[in-house]
Amino acid sequence: MRDMGYQKTVADPIFICGLSFSGKTILHLMLSRHPNIVITRHSSMWTRYYERFGDLKRPENLERCLSTMLQSKHIQGFHPDINRIRREFNSGLKSYGRLFALFHEHNAERLGKLRWGDQSSSLERYAAPIFAAYPDARIIHMIRDPRDRFWATTRSLLSWKWKVGWETESWLSSLRLARLNHSHYPDKYKVLRYEALLSDPYKIINEICQFINEDFDPEMLKLDLERQLDDEYDQERDSGKVLISNGRITRRGRYRGTSKREIALIQAYAGHEMLTWEYLPESIELSLRDRLVYYLIDWPAGMVGMGVRHTWSTNLSAFSQMLA
């Protein structure tokens, strides 16, 4: 079902998507410093609630949807006036896109902002229904060197032998969607390398402002990122040391705790795609023992992880296409 005929009451929304640990939060913090913009975080409206409750023209479906949404602490953070949402929803287009927009619009109004946006992982899978609901929306898809990102993911979950394959296939799947969505919506969908934002934030944020049709505001770069990441978001696990100095963001990275065998696997699995996005493979020398472990254990385990992740991703993509 397409949410055609979105009744826009504020400026067009902005979405930040991509895999976890890809730099979405830093971009979110910068955009949220703009006087016109509020970007919420992890509402997961599209990934958790879209099309899950049937036709919202039926009052019982709307109530089930609202009841489930209000169980989320992220939705509660909007401080929604549910009676107002019901009233406005029932007086206009009865669609998921419109319902989600009401939560965001009311939150932006409460904060004195003219424009809303949302940062959530996996929104790239919902690009088609998002643009159907909000034809002039903007989506920014963040990507990051898979070797640095892999280290960040190992700190959030228990490590298992086929994790390298799983995370590498996650990265490849996200890049496939980035390329596909950009080809379908070249003026509305932007793919941004996290490393480009780090190396020249002034240039990149100016480009982002042009992309979202907003004037650049110097306040967007006046961030104590280390403090804000720690205080606002309970110390993101891979935040490291984050500083803005001489127009650059300095952050610890360069694979950090990723082992040589893990780097070698990631490069073997994703080397071609890495080159496409200017992530240059490194020459890795392994000891005899490490080579044996690499070929006898790491490689087959990683292939299992890639296969499982690919199957899961394919099923999700098929489901998203059904909703488009």
C-alpha atoms as a PDB file:
ATOM      1  CA  MET A   1       0.000   0.000   0.000  1.00  0.00           C
ATOM      2  CA  ARG A   2       1.313   3.421  -0.931  1.00  0.00           C
ATOM      3  CA  ASP A   3       0.688   6.415   1.312  1.00  0.00           C
ATOM      4  CA  MET A   4      -0.121   8.762  -1.552  1.00  0.00           C
ATOM      5  CA  GLY A   5      -1.379  12.258  -0.870  1.00  0.00           C
ATOM      6  CA  TYR A   6       0.653  13.097   2.228  1.00  0.00           C
ATOM      7  CA  GLN A   7      -0.870  16.184   3.817  1.00  0.00           C
ATOM      8  CA  LYS A   8       2.253  18.238   4.473  1.00  0.00           C
ATOM      9  CA  THR A   9       2.018  20.840   7.222  1.00  0.00           C
ATOM     10  CA  VAL A  10       5.756  21.408   7.783  1.00  0.00           C
ATOM     11  CA  ALA A  11       8.867  21.259   5.626  1.00  0.00           C
ATOM     12  CA  ASP A  12       9.889  17.937   4.114  1.00  0.00           C
ATOM     13  CA  PRO A  13      11.373  15.303   6.455  1.00  0.00           C
ATOM     14  CA  ILE A  14      14.997  14.159   6.629  1.00  0.00           C
ATOM     15  CA  PHE A  15      15.969  10.552   7.329  1.00  0.00           C
ATOM     16  CA  ILE A  16      19.393   9.237   8.342  1.00  0.00           C
ATOM     17  CA  CYS A  17      19.872   5.538   7.690  1.00  0.00           C
ATOM     18  CA  GLY A  18      22.554   2.871   7.368  1.00  0.00           C
ATOM     19  CA  LEU A  19      24.015   0.132   9.517  1.00  0.00           C
ATOM     20  CA  SER A  20      24.677   0.545  13.221  1.00  0.00           C
ATOM     21  CA  PHE A  21      28.102   2.008  14.069  1.00  0.00           C
ATOM     22  CA  SER A  22      28.308   3.850  10.740  1.00  0.00           C
ATOM     23  CA  GLY A  23      28.411   7.449  12.002  1.00  0.00           C
ATOM     24  CA  LYS A  24      24.693   8.198  11.940  1.00  0.00           C
ATOM     25  CA  THR A  25      24.708   9.700  15.446  1.00  0.00           C
ATOM     26  CA  ILE A  26      27.383  12.314  14.701  1.00  0.00           C
ATOM     27  CA  LEU A  27      25.467  13.482  11.618  1.00  0.00           C
ATOM     28  CA  HIS A  28      22.268  13.495  13.662  1.00  0.00           C
ATOM     29  CA  LEU A  29      23.887  15.707  16.318  1.00  0.00           C
ATOM     30  CA  MET A  30      25.150  18.158  13.708  1.00  0.00           C
ATOM     31  CA  LEU A  31      21.829  18.461  11.882  1.00  0.00           C
ATOM     32  CA  SER A  32      19.973  18.837  15.166  1.00  0.00           C
ATOM     33  CA  ARG A  33      22.042  21.959  15.901  1.00  0.00           C
ATOM     34  CA  HIS A  34      20.363  23.675  12.940  1.00  0.00           C
ATOM     35  CA  PRO A  35      17.741  26.187  14.142  1.00  0.00           C
ATOM     36  CA  ASN A  36      15.080  24.735  11.819  1.00  0.00           C
ATOM     37  CA  ILE A  37      15.651  21.017  12.353  1.00  0.00           C
ATOM     38  CA  VAL A  38      14.952  18.381  14.985  1.00  0.00           C
ATOM     39  CA  ILE A  39      16.173  14.845  14.278  1.00  0.00           C
ATOM     40  CA  THR A  40      14.821  12.124  16.539  1.00  0.00           C
ATOM     41  CA  ARG A  41      16.699   8.891  17.117  1.00  0.00           C
ATOM     42  CA  HIS A  42      15.652   5.253  16.896  1.00  0.00           C
ATOM     43  CA  SER A  43      11.906   5.798  16.644  1.00  0.00           C
ATOM     44  CA  SER A  44      11.889   2.727  14.350  1.00  0.00           C
ATOM     45  CA  MET A  45       8.424   3.680  13.154  1.00  0.00           C
ATOM     46  CA  TRP A  46       8.877   2.303   9.651  1.00  0.00           C
ATOM     47  CA  THR A  47      10.805  -0.816  10.592  1.00  0.00           C
ATOM     48  CA  ARG A  48       8.555  -1.848  13.498  1.00  0.00           C
ATOM     49  CA  TYR A  49       5.059  -0.590  12.747  1.00  0.00           C
ATOM     50  CA  TYR A  50       4.577   0.063   9.033  1.00  0.00           C
ATOM     51  CA  GLU A  51       1.801  -2.151   7.600  1.00  0.00           C
ATOM     52  CA  ARG A  52       1.855  -4.367  10.715  1.00  0.00           C
ATOM     53  CA  PHE A  53      -1.708  -3.601  11.848  1.00  0.00           C
ATOM     54  CA  GLY A  54      -3.737  -3.645   8.653  1.00  0.00           C
ATOM     55  CA  ASP A  55      -5.789  -0.802   7.232  1.00  0.00           C
ATOM     56  CA  LEU A  56      -5.716   2.147   9.646  1.00  0.00           C
ATOM     57  CA  LYS A  57      -9.100   3.301   8.399  1.00  0.00           C
ATOM     58  CA  ARG A  58     -10.457   0.661  10.754  1.00  0.00           C
ATOM     59  CA  PRO A  59     -10.540   2.189  14.271  1.00  0.00           C
ATOM     60  CA  GLU A  60      -9.556  -1.070  15.975  1.00  0.00           C
ATOM     61  CA  ASN A  61      -6.409  -1.297  13.816  1.00  0.00           C
ATOM     62  CA  LEU A  62      -5.469   2.289  14.608  1.00  0.00           C
ATOM     63  CA  GLU A  63      -5.880   1.637  18.324  1.00  0.00           C
ATOM     64  CA  ARG A  64      -3.738  -1.519  18.190  1.00  0.00           C
ATOM     65  CA  CYS A  65      -1.053   0.417  16.341  1.00  0.00           C
ATOM     66  CA  LEU A  66      -1.105   3.324  18.780  1.00  0.00           C
ATOM     67  CA  SER A  67      -1.083   1.021  21.787  1.00  0.00           C
ATOM     68  CA  THR A  68       1.968  -0.850  20.493  1.00  0.00           C
ATOM     69  CA  MET A  69       3.824   2.317  19.536  1.00  0.00           C
ATOM     70  CA  LEU A  70       3.287   3.832  22.977  1.00  0.00           C
ATOM     71  CA  GLN A  71       5.061   0.902  24.611  1.00  0.00           C
ATOM     72  CA  SER A  72       8.337   2.138  23.083  1.00  0.00           C
ATOM     73  CA  LYS A  73      10.438   4.448  25.245  1.00  0.00           C
ATOM     74  CA  HIS A  74      11.571   6.225  22.077  1.00  0.00           C
ATOM     75  CA  ILE A  75       7.981   6.990  21.081  1.00  0.00           C
ATOM     76  CA  GLN A  76       7.213   8.058  24.646  1.00  0.00           C
ATOM     77  CA  GLY A  77      10.067  10.550  24.288  1.00  0.00           C
ATOM     78  CA  PHE A  78       7.919  12.473  21.787  1.00  0.00           C
ATOM     79  CA  HIS A  79       5.551  13.327  24.671  1.00  0.00           C
ATOM     80  CA  PRO A  80       2.620  12.684  22.336  1.00  0.00           C
ATOM     81  CA  ASP A  81      -0.857  14.060  22.867  1.00  0.00           C
ATOM     82  CA  ILE A  82      -2.692  10.913  21.776  1.00  0.00           C
ATOM     83  CA  ASN A  83      -6.113  12.537  21.705  1.00  0.00           C
ATOM     84  CA  ARG A  84      -4.814  15.229  19.387  1.00  0.00           C
ATOM     85  CA  ILE A  85      -3.135  12.608  17.192  1.00  0.00           C
ATOM     86  CA  ARG A  86      -6.383  10.623  16.963  1.00  0.00           C
ATOM     87  CA  ARG A  87      -8.373  13.736  16.157  1.00  0.00           C
ATOM     88  CA  GLU A  88      -6.034  15.014  13.441  1.00  0.00           C
ATOM     89  CA  PHE A  89      -5.484  11.553  11.995  1.00  0.00           C
ATOM     90  CA  ASN A  90      -9.220  10.905  11.675  1.00  0.00           C
ATOM     91  CA  SER A  91      -9.783  14.259   9.980  1.00  0.00           C
ATOM     92  CA  GLY A  92      -7.379  13.553   7.120  1.00  0.00           C
ATOM     93  CA  LEU A  93      -5.519  10.861   5.230  1.00  0.00           C
ATOM     94  CA  LYS A  94      -5.597   7.584   7.186  1.00  0.00           C
ATOM     95  CA  SER A  95      -2.211   6.086   6.356  1.00  0.00           C
ATOM     96  CA  TYR A  96       0.863   4.910   8.211  1.00  0.00           C
ATOM     97  CA  GLY A  97       2.985   7.686   6.751  1.00  0.00           C
ATOM     98  CA  ARG A  98       0.528  10.304   7.933  1.00  0.00           C
ATOM     99  CA  LEU A  99       0.305   8.757  11.419  1.00  0.00           C
ATOM    100  CA  PHE A 100       4.094   8.704  11.801  1.00  0.00           C
ATOM    101  CA  ALA A 101       4.305  12.275  10.536  1.00  0.00           C
ATOM    102  CA  LEU A 102       1.841  13.477  13.182  1.00  0.00           C
ATOM    103  CA  PHE A 103       4.085  12.232  15.986  1.00  0.00           C
ATOM    104  CA  HIS A 104       7.072  13.997  14.422  1.00  0.00           C
ATOM    105  CA  GLU A 105       5.229  17.199  13.522  1.00  0.00           C
ATOM    106  CA  HIS A 106       3.848  17.626  17.024  1.00  0.00           C
ATOM    107  CA  ASN A 107       7.285  16.997  18.506  1.00  0.00           C
ATOM    108  CA  ALA A 108       8.869  19.575  16.182  1.00  0.00           C
ATOM    109  CA  GLU A 109       6.136  22.063  17.088  1.00  0.00           C
ATOM    110  CA  ARG A 110       6.739  21.455  20.797  1.00  0.00           C
ATOM    111  CA  LEU A 111      10.461  22.162  20.326  1.00  0.00           C
ATOM    112  CA  GLY A 112       9.910  25.235  18.144  1.00  0.00           C
ATOM    113  CA  LYS A 113      11.388  23.609  15.025  1.00  0.00           C
ATOM    114  CA  LEU A 114      10.132  23.904  11.457  1.00  0.00           C
ATOM    115  CA  ARG A 115      11.368  20.592  10.152  1.00  0.00           C
ATOM    116  CA  TRP A 116      11.610  17.048  11.491  1.00  0.00           C
ATOM    117  CA  GLY A 117      13.694  14.020  10.748  1.00  0.00           C
ATOM    118  CA  ASP A 118      14.562  10.612  12.118  1.00  0.00           C
ATOM    119  CA  GLN A 119      17.696   8.498  12.523  1.00  0.00           C
ATOM    120  CA  SER A 120      17.077   4.750  12.434  1.00  0.00           C
ATOM    121  CA  SER A 121      18.990   1.716  11.223  1.00  0.00           C
ATOM    122  CA  SER A 122      17.639  -0.224   8.223  1.00  0.00           C
ATOM    123  CA  LEU A 123      15.444   2.606   6.918  1.00  0.00           C
ATOM    124  CA  GLU A 124      17.160   2.063   3.573  1.00  0.00           C
ATOM    125  CA  ARG A 125      14.889  -0.966   3.166  1.00  0.00           C
ATOM    126  CA  TYR A 126      11.858   1.330   3.260  1.00  0.00           C
ATOM    127  CA  ALA A 127      12.997   3.986   0.794  1.00  0.00           C
ATOM    128  CA  ALA A 128      10.151   3.289  -1.647  1.00  0.00           C
ATOM    129  CA  PRO A 129       7.266   3.602   0.857  1.00  0.00           C
ATOM    130  CA  ILE A 130       8.965   6.567   2.547  1.00  0.00           C
ATOM    131  CA  PHE A 131       9.182   8.493  -0.726  1.00  0.00           C
ATOM    132  CA  ALA A 132       5.639   7.427  -1.596  1.00  0.00           C
ATOM    133  CA  ALA A 133       4.462   8.892   1.708  1.00  0.00           C
ATOM    134  CA  TYR A 134       6.682  12.007   1.573  1.00  0.00           C
ATOM    135  CA  PRO A 135       7.589  12.685  -2.090  1.00  0.00           C
ATOM    136  CA  ASP A 136      10.076  15.454  -1.281  1.00  0.00           C
ATOM    137  CA  ALA A 137      11.771  13.798   1.694  1.00  0.00           C
ATOM    138  CA  ARG A 138      15.563  13.467   1.843  1.00  0.00           C
ATOM    139  CA  ILE A 139      17.403  10.314   2.913  1.00  0.00           C
ATOM    140  CA  ILE A 140      21.095  10.268   3.888  1.00  0.00           C
ATOM    141  CA  HIS A 141      22.642   6.802   3.950  1.00  0.00           C
ATOM    142  CA  MET A 142      25.795   6.561   6.078  1.00  0.00           C
ATOM    143  CA  ILE A 143      28.523   4.016   5.299  1.00  0.00           C
ATOM    144  CA  ARG A 144      31.795   3.287   7.082  1.00  0.00           C
ATOM    145  CA  ASP A 145      34.974   1.284   6.473  1.00  0.00           C
ATOM    146  CA  PRO A 146      33.854  -2.313   7.196  1.00  0.00           C
ATOM    147  CA  ARG A 147      37.059  -3.056   9.131  1.00  0.00           C
ATOM    148  CA  ASP A 148      36.497  -0.220  11.619  1.00  0.00           C
ATOM    149  CA  ARG A 149      32.800  -0.939  11.802  1.00  0.00           C
ATOM    150  CA  PHE A 150      33.446  -4.614  12.531  1.00  0.00           C
ATOM    151  CA  TRP A 151      35.537  -3.735  15.572  1.00  0.00           C
ATOM    152  CA  ALA A 152      32.699  -1.570  16.878  1.00  0.00           C
ATOM    153  CA  THR A 153      30.180  -4.393  16.492  1.00  0.00           C
ATOM    154  CA  THR A 154      32.366  -6.856  18.409  1.00  0.00           C
ATOM    155  CA  ARG A 155      31.972  -4.725  21.528  1.00  0.00           C
ATOM    156  CA  SER A 156      28.177  -4.859  21.424  1.00  0.00           C
ATOM    157  CA  LEU A 157      27.652  -8.603  21.026  1.00  0.00           C
ATOM    158  CA  LEU A 158      29.329 -11.815  22.059  1.00  0.00           C
ATOM    159  CA  SER A 159      31.850 -12.849  19.431  1.00  0.00           C
ATOM    160  CA  TRP A 160      31.174 -15.973  17.397  1.00  0.00           C
ATOM    161  CA  LYS A 161      33.246 -17.577  14.669  1.00  0.00           C
ATOM    162  CA  TRP A 162      30.988 -16.634  11.792  1.00  0.00           C
ATOM    163  CA  LYS A 163      30.435 -13.040  12.939  1.00  0.00           C
ATOM    164  CA  VAL A 164      32.935 -11.667  10.404  1.00  0.00           C
ATOM    165  CA  GLY A 165      30.942 -13.193   7.575  1.00  0.00           C
ATOM    166  CA  TRP A 166      27.650 -11.962   9.013  1.00  0.00           C
ATOM    167  CA  GLU A 167      28.851  -8.373   9.461  1.00  0.00           C
ATOM    168  CA  THR A 168      30.602  -8.261   6.084  1.00  0.00           C
ATOM    169  CA  GLU A 169      27.467  -9.460   4.314  1.00  0.00           C
ATOM    170  CA  SER A 170      25.492  -6.868   6.303  1.00  0.00           C
ATOM    171  CA  TRP A 171      27.833  -4.212   4.938  1.00  0.00           C
ATOM    172  CA  LEU A 172      27.568  -5.521   1.374  1.00  0.00           C
ATOM    173  CA  SER A 173      23.781  -5.707   1.617  1.00  0.00           C
ATOM    174  CA  SER A 174      23.581  -2.135   2.887  1.00  0.00           C
ATOM    175  CA  LEU A 175      25.796  -0.953   0.029  1.00  0.00           C
ATOM    176  CA  ARG A 176      23.645  -2.754  -2.517  1.00  0.00           C
ATOM    177  CA  LEU A 177      20.614  -0.919  -1.192  1.00  0.00           C
ATOM    178  CA  ALA A 178      22.526   2.374  -1.154  1.00  0.00           C
ATOM    179  CA  ARG A 179      23.374   1.996  -4.828  1.00  0.00           C
ATOM    180  CA  LEU A 180      19.879   0.852  -5.782  1.00  0.00           C
ATOM    181  CA  ASN A 181      18.077   3.612  -3.885  1.00  0.00           C
ATOM    182  CA  HIS A 182      20.382   6.319  -5.200  1.00  0.00           C
ATOM    183  CA  SER A 183      19.782   5.136  -8.760  1.00  0.00           C
ATOM    184  CA  HIS A 184      16.010   5.331  -8.228  1.00  0.00           C
ATOM    185  CA  TYR A 185      16.021   8.649  -6.344  1.00  0.00           C
ATOM    186  CA  PRO A 186      19.238  10.454  -7.354  1.00  0.00           C
ATOM    187  CA  ASP A 187      18.109  13.901  -6.171  1.00  0.00           C
ATOM    188  CA  LYS A 188      16.610  12.695  -2.880  1.00  0.00           C
ATOM    189  CA  TYR A 189      18.939   9.932  -1.684  1.00  0.00           C
ATOM    190  CA  LYS A 190      22.532  10.674  -0.716  1.00  0.00           C
ATOM    191  CA  VAL A 191      25.217   8.149   0.263  1.00  0.00           C
ATOM    192  CA  LEU A 192      27.774   9.621   2.666  1.00  0.00           C
ATOM    193  CA  ARG A 193      31.061   8.095   3.767  1.00  0.00           C
ATOM    194  CA  TYR A 194      31.605   8.518   7.486  1.00  0.00           C
ATOM    195  CA  GLU A 195      35.302   9.106   6.847  1.00  0.00           C
ATOM    196  CA  ALA A 196      34.514  12.034   4.532  1.00  0.00           C
ATOM    197  CA  LEU A 197      32.509  13.672   7.313  1.00  0.00           C
ATOM    198  CA  LEU A 198      35.417  13.170   9.708  1.00  0.00           C
ATOM    199  CA  SER A 199      38.054  14.573   7.382  1.00  0.00           C
ATOM    200  CA  ASP A 200      36.243  17.752   6.279  1.00  0.00           C
ATOM    201  CA  PRO A 201      33.067  18.394   8.295  1.00  0.00           C
ATOM    202  CA  TYR A 202      32.734  21.987   7.052  1.00  0.00           C
ATOM    203  CA  LYS A 203      32.641  20.938   3.410  1.00  0.00           C
ATOM    204  CA  ILE A 204      30.414  17.914   3.964  1.00  0.00           C
ATOM    205  CA  ILE A 205      27.869  19.699   6.165  1.00  0.00           C
ATOM    206  CA  ASN A 206      27.641  22.474   3.575  1.00  0.00           C
ATOM    207  CA  GLU A 207      26.922  19.817   0.948  1.00  0.00           C
ATOM    208  CA  ILE A 208      24.323  18.227   3.202  1.00  0.00           C
ATOM    209  CA  CYS A 209      22.634  21.590   3.725  1.00  0.00           C
ATOM    210  CA  GLN A 210      22.392  22.066  -0.039  1.00  0.00           C
ATOM    211  CA  PHE A 211      20.995  18.553  -0.378  1.00  0.00           C
ATOM    212  CA  ILE A 212      18.265  19.149   2.215  1.00  0.00           C
ATOM    213  CA  ASN A 213      17.599  22.711   1.008  1.00  0.00           C
ATOM    214  CA  GLU A 214      18.653  24.503   4.178  1.00  0.00           C
ATOM    215  CA  ASP A 215      21.140  27.315   4.757  1.00  0.00           C
ATOM    216  CA  PHE A 216      24.350  26.293   6.481  1.00  0.00           C
ATOM    217  CA  ASP A 217      24.553  27.398  10.100  1.00  0.00           C
ATOM    218  CA  PRO A 218      27.987  27.542  11.841  1.00  0.00           C
ATOM    219  CA  GLU A 219      26.362  26.235  15.026  1.00  0.00           C
ATOM    220  CA  MET A 220      26.157  22.850  13.344  1.00  0.00           C
ATOM    221  CA  LEU A 221      29.915  22.435  13.804  1.00  0.00           C
ATOM    222  CA  LYS A 222      30.081  23.772  17.355  1.00  0.00           C
ATOM    223  CA  LEU A 223      29.836  20.421  19.080  1.00  0.00           C
ATOM    224  CA  ASP A 224      31.497  18.847  22.049  1.00  0.00           C
ATOM    225  CA  LEU A 225      30.919  15.487  20.420  1.00  0.00           C
ATOM    226  CA  GLU A 226      32.634  13.462  23.109  1.00  0.00           C
ATOM    227  CA  ARG A 227      30.461  14.955  25.843  1.00  0.00           C
ATOM    228  CA  GLN A 228      27.265  14.811  23.800  1.00  0.00           C
ATOM    229  CA  LEU A 229      27.763  11.217  22.742  1.00  0.00           C
ATOM    230  CA  ASP A 230      28.426  10.241  26.335  1.00  0.00           C
ATOM    231  CA  ASP A 231      25.746  12.339  28.037  1.00  0.00           C
ATOM    232  CA  GLU A 232      22.894  12.074  25.535  1.00  0.00           C
ATOM    233  CA  TYR A 233      23.308   8.488  24.475  1.00  0.00           C
ATOM    234  CA  ASP A 234      24.784   6.673  27.454  1.00  0.00           C
ATOM    235  CA  GLN A 235      28.278   6.506  26.042  1.00  0.00           C
ATOM    236  CA  GLU A 236      28.052   4.867  22.637  1.00  0.00           C
ATOM    237  CA  ARG A 237      30.336   1.897  22.652  1.00  0.00           C
ATOM    238  CA  ASP A 238      32.634   2.979  19.841  1.00  0.00           C
ATOM    239  CA  SER A 239      32.582   6.718  20.514  1.00  0.00           C
ATOM    240  CA  GLY A 240      36.281   6.818  21.417  1.00  0.00           C
ATOM    241  CA  LYS A 241      37.865  10.251  21.525  1.00  0.00           C
ATOM    242  CA  VAL A 242      35.906  12.699  19.385  1.00  0.00           C
ATOM    243  CA  LEU A 243      37.071  16.264  18.868  1.00  0.00           C
ATOM    244  CA  ILE A 244      36.709  19.013  16.277  1.00  0.00           C
ATOM    245  CA  SER A 245      40.042  20.725  15.662  1.00  0.00           C
ATOM    246  CA  ASN A 246      41.176  22.860  12.727  1.00  0.00           C
ATOM    247  CA  GLY A 247      38.079  21.944  10.756  1.00  0.00           C
ATOM    248  CA  ARG A 248      38.493  18.184  11.208  1.00  0.00           C
ATOM    249  CA  ILE A 249      36.902  15.619  13.470  1.00  0.00           C
ATOM    250  CA  THR A 250      39.506  13.502  15.198  1.00  0.00           C
ATOM    251  CA  ARG A 251      38.348  10.081  16.255  1.00  0.00           C
ATOM    252  CA  ARG A 252      40.161   6.918  17.117  1.00  0.00           C
ATOM    253  CA  GLY A 253      39.676   4.260  14.473  1.00  0.00           C
ATOM    254  CA  ARG A 254      41.828   2.475  11.916  1.00  0.00           C
ATOM    255  CA  TYR A 255      40.452  -0.957  12.786  1.00  0.00           C
ATOM    256  CA  ARG A 256      41.494  -0.644  16.468  1.00  0.00           C
ATOM    257  CA  GLY A 257      41.070  -4.148  17.923  1.00  0.00           C
ATOM    258  CA  THR A 258      40.244  -5.968  14.675  1.00  0.00           C
ATOM    259  CA  SER A 259      42.700  -8.862  14.260  1.00  0.00           C
ATOM    260  CA  LYS A 260      44.823  -9.532  11.182  1.00  0.00           C
ATOM    261  CA  ARG A 261      42.780 -12.616  10.314  1.00  0.00           C
ATOM    262  CA  GLU A 262      39.526 -10.664  10.615  1.00  0.00           C
ATOM    263  CA  ILE A 263      40.877  -7.871   8.408  1.00  0.00           C
ATOM    264  CA  ALA A 264      42.040 -10.447   5.855  1.00  0.00           C
ATOM    265  CA  LEU A 265      38.576 -12.066   5.794  1.00  0.00           C
ATOM    266  CA  ILE A 266      36.723  -8.771   5.403  1.00  0.00           C
ATOM    267  CA  GLN A 267      39.015  -7.753   2.550  1.00  0.00           C
ATOM    268  CA  ALA A 268      38.668 -11.136   0.854  1.00  0.00           C
ATOM    269  CA  TYR A 269      34.886 -11.069   1.041  1.00  0.00           C
ATOM    270  CA  ALA A 270      34.315  -7.386   0.250  1.00  0.00           C
ATOM    271  CA  GLY A 271      37.490  -6.163  -1.441  1.00  0.00           C
ATOM    272  CA  HIS A 272      35.880  -5.152  -4.733  1.00  0.00           C
ATOM    273  CA  GLU A 273      33.102  -3.174  -3.052  1.00  0.00           C
ATOM    274  CA  MET A 274      35.619  -1.578  -0.692  1.00  0.00           C
ATOM    275  CA  LEU A 275      37.625  -0.261  -3.641  1.00  0.00           C
ATOM    276  CA  THR A 276      34.454   1.196  -5.158  1.00  0.00           C
ATOM    277  CA  TRP A 277      34.006   3.326  -2.034  1.00  0.00           C
ATOM    278  CA  GLU A 278      37.714   4.185  -1.644  1.00  0.00           C
ATOM    279  CA  TYR A 279      38.413   1.782   1.218  1.00  0.00           C
ATOM    280  CA  LEU A 280      41.807   0.455   0.197  1.00  0.00           C
ATOM    281  CA  PRO A 281      42.704  -3.120   1.204  1.00  0.00           C
ATOM    282  CA  GLU A 282      45.920  -3.618   3.158  1.00  0.00           C
ATOM    283  CA  SER A 283      48.582  -6.239   2.692  1.00  0.00           C
ATOM    284  CA  ILE A 284      48.220  -8.730   5.542  1.00  0.00           C
ATOM    285  CA  GLU A 285      50.995 -11.150   6.498  1.00  0.00           C
ATOM    286  CA  LEU A 286      49.879 -14.139   8.549  1.00  0.00           C
ATOM    287  CA  SER A 287      52.049 -16.616  10.414  1.00  0.00           C
ATOM    288  CA  LEU A 288      51.883 -20.273   9.406  1.00  0.00           C
ATOM    289  CA  ARG A 289      49.628 -21.013  12.365  1.00  0.00           C
ATOM    290  CA  ASP A 290      47.324 -18.104  11.533  1.00  0.00           C
ATOM    291  CA  ARG A 291      47.142 -19.163   7.889  1.00  0.00           C
ATOM    292  CA  LEU A 292      46.055 -22.646   8.919  1.00  0.00           C
ATOM    293  CA  VAL A 293      43.374 -21.267  11.248  1.00  0.00           C
ATOM    294  CA  TYR A 294      42.316 -18.796   8.567  1.00  0.00           C
ATOM    295  CA  TYR A 295      41.737 -21.408   5.854  1.00  0.00           C
ATOM    296  CA  LEU A 296      40.532 -24.311   7.993  1.00  0.00           C
ATOM    297  CA  ILE A 297      38.287 -22.457  10.468  1.00  0.00           C
ATOM    298  CA  ASP A 298      37.839 -18.735   9.783  1.00  0.00           C
ATOM    299  CA  TRP A 299      37.078 -18.931   6.055  1.00  0.00           C
ATOM    300  CA  PRO A 300      34.392 -21.658   6.158  1.00  0.00           C
ATOM    301  CA  ALA A 301      32.836 -20.178   9.320  1.00  0.00           C
ATOM    302  CA  GLY A 302      32.740 -16.772   7.682  1.00  0.00           C
ATOM    303  CA  MET A 303      31.080 -18.202   4.580  1.00  0.00           C
ATOM    304  CA  VAL A 304      28.398 -19.735   6.777  1.00  0.00           C
ATOM    305  CA  GLY A 305      27.839 -16.337   8.382  1.00  0.00           C
ATOM    306  CA  MET A 306      27.594 -14.652   4.995  1.00  0.00           C
ATOM    307  CA  GLY A 307      25.128 -17.256   3.760  1.00  0.00           C
ATOM    308  CA  VAL A 308      22.882 -16.972   6.799  1.00  0.00           C
ATOM    309  CA  ARG A 309      22.966 -13.173   6.675  1.00  0.00           C
ATOM    310  CA  HIS A 310      22.297 -13.130   2.918  1.00  0.00           C
ATOM    311  CA  THR A 311      19.261 -15.388   3.317  1.00  0.00           C
ATOM    312  CA  TRP A 312      17.921 -13.228   6.127  1.00  0.00           C
ATOM    313  CA  SER A 313      18.576 -10.041   4.130  1.00  0.00           C
ATOM    314  CA  THR A 314      16.926 -11.458   1.009  1.00  0.00           C
ATOM    315  CA  ASN A 315      13.785 -12.316   2.949  1.00  0.00           C
ATOM    316  CA  LEU A 316      13.660  -8.841   4.460  1.00  0.00           C
ATOM    317  CA  SER A 317      14.155  -7.249   1.036  1.00  0.00           C
ATOM    318  CA  ALA A 318      11.331  -9.340  -0.427  1.00  0.00           C
ATOM    319  CA  PHE A 319       9.061  -8.250   2.432  1.00  0.00           C
ATOM    320  CA  SER A 320       9.998  -4.583   1.897  1.00  0.00           C
ATOM    321  CA  GLN A 321       9.249  -4.907  -1.831  1.00  0.00           C
ATOM    322  CA  MET A 322       5.795  -6.262  -0.960  1.00  0.00           C
ATOM    323  CA  LEU A 323       5.163  -3.104   1.061  1.00  0.00           C
ATOM    324  CA  ALA A 324       6.443  -0.742  -1.652  1.00  0.00           C
END
